[in-house]
Amino acid sequence: MKPIRLMGAHEIRIRLGGVSRQRAYQITSRADFPKPVADLAQGKVWLTEDVEAWMKVHRRDLDESED
């Protein structure tokens, strides 16, 4: 069984290159951004694979900087 990997807003901010909280909120609120799988007391969480897939399409600059 494959483990479920989740990502919160802080991890998304880091993965997006250290963007501000406000910018991360703007990005995660976009209509084309994956929907969160849960809204916890600590905040929303997304499936890591959904966020990574979105970044491959919309943030190619991040993939290139990691090579």
Protein backbone atom coordinates (compact mmCIF):
# COMPACT_ATOMS: atom_id res chain seq x y z
CA MET A 1 0.00 0.00 0.00
CA LYS A 2 1.37 3.39 -1.03
CA PRO A 3 1.57 5.91 1.85
CA ILE A 4 -0.42 9.12 1.52
CA ARG A 5 1.88 12.14 1.41
CA LEU A 6 0.40 15.48 2.39
CA MET A 7 1.65 19.02 2.05
CA GLY A 8 0.58 22.06 4.04
CA ALA A 9 0.88 25.74 3.19
CA HIS A 10 4.35 26.00 4.73
CA GLU A 11 5.70 23.15 2.62
CA ILE A 12 4.10 24.66 -0.47
CA ARG A 13 5.76 28.00 0.29
CA ILE A 14 9.14 26.31 0.54
CA ARG A 15 8.58 24.23 -2.60
CA LEU A 16 7.61 27.40 -4.51
CA GLY A 17 10.99 28.90 -3.71
CA GLY A 18 10.26 30.62 -0.41
CA VAL A 19 7.35 32.80 -1.49
CA SER A 20 5.49 34.90 1.07
CA ARG A 21 2.41 33.62 2.90
CA GLN A 22 0.27 36.04 0.91
CA ARG A 23 1.69 34.82 -2.41
CA ALA A 24 1.22 31.16 -1.40
CA TYR A 25 -2.41 31.95 -0.51
CA GLN A 26 -2.91 33.60 -3.91
CA ILE A 27 -1.48 30.56 -5.69
CA THR A 28 -3.39 27.96 -3.65
CA SER A 29 -6.62 29.93 -4.20
CA ARG A 30 -6.34 29.78 -7.99
CA ALA A 31 -9.10 27.88 -9.75
CA ASP A 32 -6.55 25.63 -11.46
CA PHE A 33 -4.67 24.75 -8.25
CA PRO A 34 -5.53 21.34 -6.75
CA LYS A 35 -8.30 21.35 -4.16
CA PRO A 36 -7.18 20.59 -0.59
CA VAL A 37 -8.02 17.11 0.68
CA ALA A 38 -8.79 18.42 4.17
CA ASP A 39 -9.22 21.68 6.06
CA LEU A 40 -7.76 21.07 9.53
CA ALA A 41 -7.47 23.38 12.54
CA GLN A 42 -3.83 23.92 11.48
CA GLY A 43 -4.89 24.80 7.93
CA LYS A 44 -5.54 23.17 4.60
CA VAL A 45 -3.59 20.16 3.35
CA TRP A 46 -3.09 18.93 -0.20
CA LEU A 47 -1.91 15.66 -1.67
CA THR A 48 1.78 16.11 -2.44
CA GLU A 49 1.44 14.34 -5.80
CA ASP A 50 -1.32 16.79 -6.86
CA VAL A 51 0.78 19.83 -5.90
CA GLU A 52 3.90 18.44 -7.59
CA ALA A 53 1.93 17.71 -10.77
CA TRP A 54 0.56 21.27 -10.77
CA MET A 55 4.07 22.68 -10.31
CA LYS A 56 5.43 20.65 -13.24
CA VAL A 57 2.90 22.37 -15.51
CA HIS A 58 2.78 25.88 -14.02
CA ARG A 59 6.18 26.38 -12.39
CA ARG A 60 8.71 24.80 -14.73
CA ASP A 61 11.34 27.27 -13.51
CA LEU A 62 11.40 25.43 -10.16
CA ASP A 63 12.05 22.05 -11.77
CA GLU A 64 14.97 23.44 -13.77
CA SER A 65 16.60 25.02 -10.70
CA GLU A 66 16.67 21.67 -8.88
CA ASP A 67 18.67 19.78 -11.52
